[in-house]
């Protein structure tokens, strides 16, 4: 258990997250307007989105399907009967003066998400519900010194609000939760998870208590748009609350903002309770009733999700929990690895993918989809090691050339650079004889008990053969000559 050390002892952090995930759909939740990111302001706004008088919402069936698919992916209860409500509040970027959302009767009920923790263990976090709602527009405060501009392109875009139980106990767990949820959504194809574009945003509910005590008063940090900031905001807010309480103060339930420049939370407004929004069923929308067979049809189309894929990688490829986690957290990475590992040593494949490839991609600032080295070609490089065409050390040089020259085949590089491994016993023996003759003093030292010098002789042999000698043969011949 992770605690915050205060002046008066240990404090436990209690965290619940509300993630707003924008549904992957070409049209909005209640209108046919487009949803493409980055278009000119107010260029994707229908009369419905702008709340012109007399305009009525019409539900987008595909968005409903995406919400059901997400609920199934979270092993959650699908509610065949749900209701759309009006959530009333007034803000410049909300043309209707209310948001169409769901409250007491959401489309998805209780589910669960399994956290993959750094030590290889797992922990299950409860999902309270998933409900559908429309997004508001966007206020732009940096376009004019004294005016705020409004862009309604986002108005009416379909959102899934995924609410967790207050089961998280540290900033690290919260980060792991958001990473895992984003991974599942991407596998399902229901949200692209691009937090930098605003298509996934997080509200963090944070409170502190003495271990074993009832929950404390919570504060909500709104619209945090990166996993790094989610963790930093929770860490700061928890410590702020501990300081307030230890100085004899009280925590006020409120909504706070995360200041990404000063890295602090700031008070935004006192927290509204549900009755402040005056929820009531939307009179323009009938209750949503799902055909159970339609839900079953969606269930049959679900892809293999990260948890199942991890279990299969560990069972079929004998990978560690850590390696399997690293490989399955993004579908593109898992697919790449499976191509490399097919018909080859899976552990060697995993080492090359998670080590050399991911390291090179990270250094170059590239995603797996942009890799200059295709999975088939990395597999070909591993084949050259397996059949003793090249050594593992030479393979690293070949890989570096492959990374710098996209599309270049490993076998061609080996041929052009003359890197083929020397497996001729006579040639290796001749090189070793010369090395031993030139270092007679070190041979005597080795024979008198300085075993560590063996590494020196191996290094000299590899140097003499420009790294091309088969390491196993070098070791074997040296053992015979030095110990014979």
Protein backbone atom coordinates (compact mmCIF):
# COMPACT_ATOMS: atom_id res chain seq x y z
CA UNK A 1 0.00 0.00 0.00
CA UNK A 2 1.28 3.50 -0.88
CA UNK A 3 0.87 6.21 1.76
CA UNK A 4 1.76 9.89 1.96
CA UNK A 5 4.00 10.61 4.93
CA UNK A 6 2.59 13.59 6.84
CA UNK A 7 3.59 15.35 10.05
CA UNK A 8 0.91 13.38 11.91
CA UNK A 9 1.59 10.01 10.27
CA UNK A 10 0.43 8.14 7.20
CA UNK A 11 -2.35 9.33 4.89
CA UNK A 12 -4.09 7.22 2.26
CA UNK A 13 -5.11 8.72 -1.09
CA UNK A 14 -8.48 7.72 -2.54
CA UNK A 15 -8.92 8.31 -6.28
CA UNK A 16 -11.77 7.85 -8.72
CA UNK A 17 -11.48 8.82 -12.38
CA UNK A 18 -14.05 10.03 -14.90
CA UNK A 19 -12.67 9.60 -18.41
CA UNK A 20 -14.38 11.35 -21.32
CA UNK A 21 -13.61 9.36 -24.46
CA UNK A 22 -14.63 10.72 -27.85
CA UNK A 23 -16.26 8.01 -29.93
CA UNK A 24 -14.65 7.13 -33.26
CA UNK A 25 -17.50 8.01 -35.64
CA UNK A 26 -17.81 10.03 -38.83
CA UNK A 27 -20.90 11.84 -37.53
CA UNK A 28 -21.99 13.39 -34.23
CA UNK A 29 -24.27 11.79 -31.63
CA UNK A 30 -27.50 13.57 -32.66
CA UNK A 31 -26.68 15.13 -36.04
CA UNK A 32 -25.00 14.26 -39.34
CA UNK A 33 -22.20 16.82 -38.94
CA UNK A 34 -18.64 15.63 -39.54
CA UNK A 35 -16.23 15.06 -36.64
CA UNK A 36 -12.79 15.44 -38.29
CA UNK A 37 -10.10 17.01 -36.09
CA UNK A 38 -8.29 20.18 -37.12
CA UNK A 39 -10.79 21.69 -39.56
CA UNK A 40 -11.53 25.44 -39.72
CA UNK A 41 -13.50 26.76 -36.71
CA UNK A 42 -17.28 26.42 -36.97
CA UNK A 43 -17.07 24.52 -40.27
CA UNK A 44 -18.70 21.32 -38.95
CA UNK A 45 -21.84 22.69 -37.27
CA UNK A 46 -25.40 21.75 -38.16
CA UNK A 47 -28.56 23.57 -37.04
CA UNK A 48 -28.95 20.86 -34.37
CA UNK A 49 -25.42 21.46 -33.02
CA UNK A 50 -26.01 25.22 -32.94
CA UNK A 51 -29.39 24.71 -31.17
CA UNK A 52 -31.48 26.55 -33.74
CA UNK A 53 -35.15 26.68 -32.67
CA UNK A 54 -37.21 23.65 -33.70
CA UNK A 55 -34.22 21.41 -34.48
CA UNK A 56 -34.65 17.90 -33.07
CA UNK A 57 -31.91 15.38 -32.18
CA UNK A 58 -31.77 12.04 -34.02
CA UNK A 59 -29.69 9.28 -32.39
CA UNK A 60 -26.66 7.95 -34.28
CA UNK A 61 -26.95 4.14 -34.13
CA UNK A 62 -23.24 3.61 -34.77
CA UNK A 63 -22.32 5.67 -31.68
CA UNK A 64 -24.66 3.48 -29.61
CA UNK A 65 -22.95 0.39 -31.06
CA UNK A 66 -19.53 1.80 -30.14
CA UNK A 67 -20.67 2.41 -26.55
CA UNK A 68 -22.01 -1.16 -26.30
CA UNK A 69 -18.77 -2.53 -27.76
CA UNK A 70 -16.78 -0.59 -25.15
CA UNK A 71 -19.01 -1.84 -22.34
CA UNK A 72 -18.50 -5.42 -23.50
CA UNK A 73 -14.73 -4.84 -23.67
CA UNK A 74 -14.83 -3.68 -20.04
CA UNK A 75 -16.75 -6.85 -19.06
CA UNK A 76 -19.62 -4.60 -18.00
CA UNK A 77 -23.38 -4.97 -17.71
CA UNK A 78 -25.14 -3.76 -20.88
CA UNK A 79 -28.45 -2.11 -20.01
CA UNK A 80 -30.98 -2.88 -22.73
CA UNK A 81 -33.10 0.04 -21.48
CA UNK A 82 -31.48 3.45 -20.96
CA UNK A 83 -32.65 7.06 -20.89
CA UNK A 84 -31.22 10.33 -22.18
CA UNK A 85 -31.46 13.26 -19.77
CA UNK A 86 -30.97 16.99 -19.99
CA UNK A 87 -28.19 18.25 -17.77
CA UNK A 88 -28.86 21.96 -17.37
CA UNK A 89 -26.10 24.53 -17.07
CA UNK A 90 -25.25 27.73 -18.90
CA UNK A 91 -21.96 28.43 -20.58
CA UNK A 92 -20.99 30.28 -23.74
CA UNK A 93 -19.87 27.14 -25.62
CA UNK A 94 -23.10 25.21 -24.81
CA UNK A 95 -25.64 26.60 -27.33
CA UNK A 96 -28.68 24.72 -25.98
CA UNK A 97 -28.20 25.74 -22.37
CA UNK A 98 -28.23 22.03 -21.51
CA UNK A 99 -26.21 18.94 -22.36
CA UNK A 100 -27.91 15.75 -23.51
CA UNK A 101 -26.42 13.08 -21.25
CA UNK A 102 -27.46 10.05 -19.20
CA UNK A 103 -27.78 9.99 -15.43
CA UNK A 104 -29.75 7.39 -13.46
CA UNK A 105 -30.27 4.96 -16.34
CA UNK A 106 -27.02 4.74 -18.37
CA UNK A 107 -26.40 2.42 -21.32
CA UNK A 108 -23.61 0.51 -19.50
CA UNK A 109 -23.50 -0.50 -15.82
CA UNK A 110 -20.84 -2.04 -13.62
CA UNK A 111 -17.68 -3.48 -15.15
CA UNK A 112 -14.01 -3.95 -14.35
CA UNK A 113 -10.52 -3.16 -15.56
CA UNK A 114 -7.36 -5.10 -14.64
CA UNK A 115 -4.33 -2.95 -13.83
CA UNK A 116 -0.88 -4.21 -14.86
CA UNK A 117 1.48 -3.02 -12.12
CA UNK A 118 5.26 -2.52 -12.57
CA UNK A 119 6.15 -5.48 -10.34
CA UNK A 120 4.24 -7.85 -12.64
CA UNK A 121 1.23 -8.15 -10.34
CA UNK A 122 -2.32 -7.17 -11.31
CA UNK A 123 -5.22 -5.49 -9.51
CA UNK A 124 -8.85 -5.17 -10.53
CA UNK A 125 -10.50 -1.73 -10.48
CA UNK A 126 -14.28 -1.41 -10.61
CA UNK A 127 -16.09 0.51 -13.34
CA UNK A 128 -19.23 2.22 -12.00
CA UNK A 129 -20.86 2.97 -15.35
CA UNK A 130 -20.39 4.19 -18.91
CA UNK A 131 -22.88 6.71 -20.23
CA UNK A 132 -23.34 8.46 -23.55
CA UNK A 133 -23.40 12.24 -23.85
CA UNK A 134 -22.76 15.02 -26.34
CA UNK A 135 -19.70 17.24 -26.07
CA UNK A 136 -19.83 21.02 -25.67
CA UNK A 137 -18.10 23.48 -27.98
CA UNK A 138 -14.72 25.00 -27.22
CA UNK A 139 -13.90 28.43 -25.79
CA UNK A 140 -10.72 29.98 -27.20
CA UNK A 141 -9.22 32.54 -24.82
CA UNK A 142 -5.92 33.13 -26.64
CA UNK A 143 -7.16 34.51 -29.98
CA UNK A 144 -7.85 38.08 -28.83
CA UNK A 145 -6.61 40.23 -25.91
CA UNK A 146 -10.09 41.05 -24.59
CA UNK A 147 -12.51 38.62 -26.26
CA UNK A 148 -13.24 34.90 -26.07
CA UNK A 149 -13.96 33.11 -29.35
CA UNK A 150 -16.30 30.12 -29.61
CA UNK A 151 -15.70 27.11 -31.90
CA UNK A 152 -18.71 24.80 -32.13
CA UNK A 153 -17.06 22.08 -34.24
CA UNK A 154 -16.92 19.88 -31.15
CA UNK A 155 -20.50 20.67 -30.11
CA UNK A 156 -22.57 17.49 -30.30
CA UNK A 157 -19.63 15.09 -30.77
CA UNK A 158 -20.38 11.72 -29.12
CA UNK A 159 -18.63 11.06 -25.82
CA UNK A 160 -18.48 8.05 -23.55
CA UNK A 161 -18.01 9.04 -19.92
CA UNK A 162 -16.38 6.08 -18.18
CA UNK A 163 -16.56 6.38 -14.39
CA UNK A 164 -14.38 4.28 -12.10
CA UNK A 165 -15.07 3.22 -8.53
CA UNK A 166 -12.89 5.03 -5.94
CA UNK A 167 -10.55 2.02 -6.01
CA UNK A 168 -7.26 3.72 -6.96
CA UNK A 169 -4.75 4.47 -4.21
CA UNK A 170 -1.84 6.31 -5.86
CA UNK A 171 -0.93 8.56 -8.78
CA UNK A 172 0.97 5.61 -10.29
CA UNK A 173 -2.15 3.41 -10.19
CA UNK A 174 -4.18 6.21 -11.79
CA UNK A 175 -1.61 6.45 -14.59
CA UNK A 176 -1.73 2.68 -15.09
CA UNK A 177 -5.54 2.83 -15.20
CA UNK A 178 -5.66 5.50 -17.91
CA UNK A 179 -2.99 3.69 -19.95
CA UNK A 180 -4.89 0.40 -19.75
CA UNK A 181 -8.25 2.01 -20.55
CA UNK A 182 -6.77 3.81 -23.55
CA UNK A 183 -5.23 0.54 -24.74
CA UNK A 184 -8.59 -1.27 -24.54
CA UNK A 185 -10.41 1.55 -26.37
CA UNK A 186 -7.82 1.49 -29.16
CA UNK A 187 -8.02 -2.31 -29.50
CA UNK A 188 -11.81 -2.00 -29.76
CA UNK A 189 -11.56 0.90 -32.24
CA UNK A 190 -14.07 2.95 -30.22
CA UNK A 191 -11.79 5.89 -29.29
CA UNK A 192 -8.40 6.87 -30.71
CA UNK A 193 -7.15 7.92 -27.26
CA UNK A 194 -5.31 11.00 -28.57
CA UNK A 195 -5.24 13.06 -25.38
CA UNK A 196 -3.22 15.83 -27.06
CA UNK A 197 -6.13 16.35 -29.50
CA UNK A 198 -8.69 16.33 -26.69
CA UNK A 199 -10.37 13.09 -27.77
CA UNK A 200 -9.69 11.63 -24.33
CA UNK A 201 -9.83 13.80 -21.20
CA UNK A 202 -9.80 12.92 -17.54
CA UNK A 203 -11.49 14.34 -14.42
CA UNK A 204 -9.71 13.21 -11.25
CA UNK A 205 -11.62 12.91 -7.96
CA UNK A 206 -9.12 13.02 -5.09
CA UNK A 207 -9.52 12.76 -1.31
CA UNK A 208 -7.28 11.70 1.57
CA UNK A 209 -7.94 9.88 4.84
CA UNK A 210 -6.17 8.20 7.68
CA UNK A 211 -5.85 4.45 6.90
CA UNK A 212 -9.04 2.63 7.88
CA UNK A 213 -11.10 5.81 8.26
CA UNK A 214 -14.19 6.74 6.15
CA UNK A 215 -13.66 8.56 2.85
CA UNK A 216 -12.68 12.21 3.14
CA UNK A 217 -14.13 15.17 1.24
CA UNK A 218 -13.12 14.98 -2.41
CA UNK A 219 -12.07 17.61 -4.90
CA UNK A 220 -12.45 17.16 -8.65
CA UNK A 221 -9.66 18.21 -11.03
CA UNK A 222 -11.25 18.89 -14.43
CA UNK A 223 -10.14 18.13 -17.98
CA UNK A 224 -6.60 16.84 -17.51
CA UNK A 225 -5.27 15.98 -20.96
CA UNK A 226 -2.22 13.74 -20.51
CA UNK A 227 -1.30 10.75 -18.37
CA UNK A 228 1.73 12.61 -17.06
CA UNK A 229 -0.46 15.50 -15.93
CA UNK A 230 -3.06 13.11 -14.43
CA UNK A 231 -0.34 11.68 -12.19
CA UNK A 232 1.20 15.06 -11.35
CA UNK A 233 -2.19 16.66 -10.59
CA UNK A 234 -3.20 13.82 -8.25
CA UNK A 235 0.15 13.88 -6.46
CA UNK A 236 -0.03 17.65 -5.94
CA UNK A 237 -3.69 17.69 -4.88
CA UNK A 238 -3.26 14.84 -2.39
CA UNK A 239 -0.32 16.57 -0.72
CA UNK A 240 -2.21 19.89 -0.69
CA UNK A 241 -5.12 18.25 1.12
CA UNK A 242 -2.82 16.58 3.67
CA UNK A 243 -1.20 19.95 4.44
CA UNK A 244 -4.61 21.65 4.86
CA UNK A 245 -5.86 18.94 7.22
CA UNK A 246 -2.66 18.76 9.26
CA UNK A 247 -2.80 22.53 9.78
CA UNK A 248 -6.32 22.14 11.23
CA UNK A 249 -8.22 23.23 8.14
CA UNK A 250 -11.06 21.50 6.29
CA UNK A 251 -11.32 20.37 2.68
CA UNK A 252 -14.09 22.10 0.72
CA UNK A 253 -15.77 20.02 -1.98
CA UNK A 254 -14.97 21.91 -5.16
CA UNK A 255 -13.90 21.71 -8.77
CA UNK A 256 -10.27 22.59 -9.43
CA UNK A 257 -8.17 23.13 -12.55
CA UNK A 258 -4.66 21.83 -13.23
CA UNK A 259 -2.26 24.64 -14.11
CA UNK A 260 0.13 23.04 -16.62
CA UNK A 261 2.61 25.94 -16.30
CA UNK A 262 2.89 26.24 -12.52
CA UNK A 263 2.07 22.54 -11.94
CA UNK A 264 -0.49 23.27 -9.23
CA UNK A 265 -4.26 22.82 -8.87
CA UNK A 266 -6.35 26.00 -8.62
CA UNK A 267 -9.89 26.46 -7.32
CA UNK A 268 -12.44 26.83 -10.15
CA UNK A 269 -15.87 26.67 -8.48
CA UNK A 270 -17.67 25.01 -5.60
CA UNK A 271 -18.71 21.49 -6.64
CA UNK A 272 -22.25 21.19 -7.90
CA UNK A 273 -24.37 18.29 -6.72
CA UNK A 274 -26.56 16.39 -9.18
CA UNK A 275 -29.67 18.38 -8.23
CA UNK A 276 -27.93 21.61 -9.26
CA UNK A 277 -28.03 20.39 -12.85
CA UNK A 278 -31.82 19.78 -12.67
CA UNK A 279 -31.60 16.51 -14.60
CA UNK A 280 -34.81 15.36 -16.30
CA UNK A 281 -35.51 12.96 -19.20
CA UNK A 282 -35.06 14.65 -22.57
CA UNK A 283 -38.57 15.07 -24.03
CA UNK A 284 -37.22 14.96 -27.61
CA UNK A 285 -35.68 11.49 -27.24
CA UNK A 286 -37.43 8.21 -26.50
CA UNK A 287 -35.79 5.77 -24.08
CA UNK A 288 -33.12 3.70 -25.81
CA UNK A 289 -34.16 0.04 -26.03
CA UNK A 290 -31.61 -2.49 -27.30
CA UNK A 291 -32.35 -5.86 -28.86
CA UNK A 292 -30.42 -8.46 -26.78
CA UNK A 293 -29.58 -10.39 -29.97
CA UNK A 294 -28.08 -7.21 -31.48
CA UNK A 295 -25.87 -6.90 -28.38
CA UNK A 296 -24.83 -10.56 -28.77
CA UNK A 297 -23.93 -9.90 -32.43
CA UNK A 298 -21.60 -7.08 -31.32
CA UNK A 299 -20.08 -9.34 -28.65
CA UNK A 300 -19.21 -11.93 -31.29
CA UNK A 301 -17.19 -9.34 -33.24
CA UNK A 302 -14.96 -8.25 -30.33
CA UNK A 303 -11.23 -8.55 -31.05
CA UNK A 304 -8.72 -10.27 -28.78
CA UNK A 305 -8.18 -7.67 -26.04
CA UNK A 306 -4.94 -6.86 -24.14
CA UNK A 307 -5.57 -9.17 -21.15
CA UNK A 308 -6.36 -12.17 -23.35
CA UNK A 309 -3.45 -11.41 -25.66
CA UNK A 310 -1.08 -11.10 -22.68
CA UNK A 311 -2.22 -14.48 -21.34
CA UNK A 312 -1.70 -16.08 -24.77
CA UNK A 313 1.78 -14.53 -25.19
CA UNK A 314 2.80 -15.88 -21.79
CA UNK A 315 1.36 -19.34 -22.50
CA UNK A 316 2.35 -19.81 -26.14
CA UNK A 317 5.60 -17.82 -26.28
CA UNK A 318 6.68 -18.37 -22.64
CA UNK A 319 7.22 -14.62 -22.21
CA UNK A 320 7.47 -12.97 -18.79
CA UNK A 321 4.53 -10.88 -17.55
CA UNK A 322 6.69 -7.77 -18.02
CA UNK A 323 7.62 -8.52 -21.65
CA UNK A 324 4.02 -9.50 -22.47
CA UNK A 325 2.73 -6.24 -20.95
CA UNK A 326 5.16 -4.14 -22.96
CA UNK A 327 4.18 -5.90 -26.18
CA UNK A 328 0.39 -5.88 -25.80
CA UNK A 329 -0.17 -2.34 -24.54
CA UNK A 330 -0.59 -1.23 -28.16
CA UNK A 331 -2.16 -3.46 -30.78
CA UNK A 332 0.35 -2.38 -33.45
CA UNK A 333 3.24 -3.47 -31.21
CA UNK A 334 1.63 -6.84 -30.52
CA UNK A 335 0.97 -7.42 -34.23
CA UNK A 336 4.58 -6.47 -35.10
CA UNK A 337 5.97 -8.89 -32.50
CA UNK A 338 3.76 -11.77 -33.66
CA UNK A 339 5.03 -11.35 -37.22
CA UNK A 340 8.66 -11.35 -36.03
CA UNK A 341 8.14 -14.33 -33.68
CA UNK A 342 6.28 -16.56 -36.16
CA UNK A 343 8.34 -19.74 -36.58
CA UNK A 344 11.28 -18.31 -34.60
CA UNK A 345 12.60 -18.28 -31.03
CA UNK A 346 9.95 -16.05 -29.34
CA UNK A 347 12.25 -14.91 -26.52
CA UNK A 348 14.91 -13.80 -29.01
CA UNK A 349 12.19 -12.05 -31.04
CA UNK A 350 10.89 -10.30 -27.91
CA UNK A 351 14.41 -9.16 -26.97
CA UNK A 352 14.99 -7.64 -30.41
CA UNK A 353 11.57 -5.94 -30.54
CA UNK A 354 11.49 -4.55 -26.99
CA UNK A 355 15.21 -3.81 -26.83
CA UNK A 356 16.88 -2.79 -30.09
CA UNK A 357 13.76 -1.78 -32.06
CA UNK A 358 11.86 0.09 -29.34
CA UNK A 359 15.09 1.78 -28.25
CA UNK A 360 15.82 3.00 -31.78
CA UNK A 361 12.22 4.14 -32.32
CA UNK A 362 12.21 6.01 -29.01
CA UNK A 363 15.49 7.75 -29.85
CA UNK A 364 14.16 8.74 -33.27
CA UNK A 365 10.79 9.86 -31.88
CA UNK A 366 8.89 7.38 -34.06
CA UNK A 367 5.83 5.21 -33.42
CA UNK A 368 5.83 1.49 -34.27
CA UNK A 369 3.70 2.20 -37.36
CA UNK A 370 6.50 4.46 -38.65
CA UNK A 371 9.28 1.92 -38.10
CA UNK A 372 11.90 1.98 -40.90
CA UNK A 373 12.48 -1.73 -40.18
CA UNK A 374 9.52 -3.89 -41.20
CA UNK A 375 8.60 -6.87 -39.03
CA UNK A 376 9.39 -9.33 -41.83
CA UNK A 377 12.89 -7.87 -42.21
CA UNK A 378 13.63 -7.99 -38.48
CA UNK A 379 12.54 -11.62 -38.61
CA UNK A 380 14.95 -12.15 -41.49
CA UNK A 381 17.78 -10.69 -39.39
CA UNK A 382 17.00 -13.14 -36.58
CA UNK A 383 17.07 -15.97 -39.14
CA UNK A 384 20.63 -14.96 -40.08
CA UNK A 385 21.67 -15.27 -36.42
CA UNK A 386 19.89 -18.61 -36.03
CA UNK A 387 21.61 -20.21 -39.04
CA UNK A 388 25.03 -18.83 -37.99
CA UNK A 389 25.35 -16.56 -41.02
CA UNK A 390 26.17 -13.68 -38.65
CA UNK A 391 26.87 -13.35 -34.94
CA UNK A 392 24.62 -11.52 -32.52
CA UNK A 393 27.12 -8.68 -32.31
CA UNK A 394 27.33 -8.23 -36.08
CA UNK A 395 23.51 -8.38 -36.17
CA UNK A 396 23.39 -5.16 -34.16
CA UNK A 397 25.52 -3.43 -36.80
CA UNK A 398 23.27 -4.79 -39.55
CA UNK A 399 20.17 -3.60 -37.66
CA UNK A 400 21.61 -0.07 -37.39
CA UNK A 401 22.09 -0.01 -41.18
CA UNK A 402 18.55 -1.36 -41.71
CA UNK A 403 17.15 1.41 -39.49
CA UNK A 404 19.02 4.10 -41.45
CA UNK A 405 18.13 2.66 -44.88
CA UNK A 406 14.40 1.71 -44.86
CA UNK A 407 13.55 -1.33 -46.95
CA UNK A 408 17.13 -2.64 -47.11
CA UNK A 409 17.16 -6.42 -46.62
CA UNK A 410 19.48 -7.83 -43.93
CA UNK A 411 20.90 -10.54 -46.23
CA UNK A 412 21.83 -7.88 -48.81
CA UNK A 413 23.61 -5.78 -46.18
CA UNK A 414 25.56 -8.81 -44.96
CA UNK A 415 26.62 -9.64 -48.54
CA UNK A 416 27.55 -6.05 -49.46
CA UNK A 417 29.53 -5.39 -46.28
CA UNK A 418 31.18 -8.83 -46.19
CA UNK A 419 29.84 -9.52 -42.71
CA UNK A 420 29.23 -13.24 -43.04
CA UNK A 421 30.32 -15.12 -39.95
CA UNK A 422 33.56 -17.10 -40.07
CA UNK A 423 32.79 -20.72 -39.21
CA UNK A 424 35.95 -22.17 -40.76
CA UNK A 425 37.62 -23.90 -37.77
CA UNK A 426 41.03 -23.75 -39.42
CA UNK A 427 40.87 -19.99 -39.98
CA UNK A 428 39.75 -19.31 -36.41
CA UNK A 429 42.40 -21.67 -35.02
CA UNK A 430 45.11 -19.91 -37.04
CA UNK A 431 44.07 -16.50 -35.67
CA UNK A 432 44.02 -17.84 -32.10
CA UNK A 433 47.48 -19.42 -32.47
CA UNK A 434 48.90 -16.04 -33.49
CA UNK A 435 47.22 -14.31 -30.51
CA UNK A 436 48.53 -16.87 -28.00
CA UNK A 437 52.05 -16.65 -29.44
CA UNK A 438 52.00 -12.85 -29.23
CA UNK A 439 50.75 -12.92 -25.62
CA UNK A 440 52.81 -15.74 -24.10
CA UNK A 441 53.10 -13.86 -20.80
CA UNK A 442 49.33 -13.63 -20.46
CA UNK A 443 48.99 -17.31 -21.36
CA UNK A 444 51.26 -18.15 -18.43
CA UNK A 445 49.26 -15.85 -16.13
CA UNK A 446 46.03 -17.54 -17.21
CA UNK A 447 47.47 -21.01 -16.58
CA UNK A 448 48.66 -19.95 -13.14
CA UNK A 449 45.09 -19.18 -12.12
CA UNK A 450 44.12 -15.80 -13.62
CA UNK A 451 40.87 -17.12 -15.16
CA UNK A 452 39.56 -13.65 -15.98
CA UNK A 453 42.11 -13.36 -18.79
CA UNK A 454 39.96 -15.75 -20.83
CA UNK A 455 37.76 -12.78 -21.76
CA UNK A 456 40.85 -10.93 -23.02
CA UNK A 457 41.71 -13.80 -25.41
CA UNK A 458 38.10 -13.95 -26.67
CA UNK A 459 38.17 -10.20 -27.34
CA UNK A 460 41.47 -10.44 -29.20
CA UNK A 461 40.16 -13.31 -31.35
CA UNK A 462 37.00 -11.40 -32.27
CA UNK A 463 39.08 -8.31 -33.04
CA UNK A 464 41.45 -10.32 -35.26
CA UNK A 465 38.47 -11.64 -37.24
CA UNK A 466 36.71 -8.23 -37.36
CA UNK A 467 33.94 -9.64 -35.17
CA UNK A 468 33.01 -12.26 -37.76
CA UNK A 469 34.22 -15.39 -35.96
CA UNK A 470 31.56 -17.67 -34.55
CA UNK A 471 31.70 -16.93 -30.77
CA UNK A 472 30.91 -20.52 -29.81
CA UNK A 473 33.82 -21.83 -31.93
CA UNK A 474 36.16 -19.17 -30.53
CA UNK A 475 35.28 -20.23 -26.98
CA UNK A 476 35.63 -23.92 -27.79
CA UNK A 477 39.04 -23.60 -29.49
CA UNK A 478 40.41 -21.29 -26.78
CA UNK A 479 39.28 -23.69 -24.05
CA UNK A 480 41.12 -26.55 -25.73
CA UNK A 481 44.34 -24.61 -26.32
CA UNK A 482 44.51 -22.89 -22.92
CA UNK A 483 43.31 -25.79 -20.79
CA UNK A 484 44.51 -28.69 -22.91
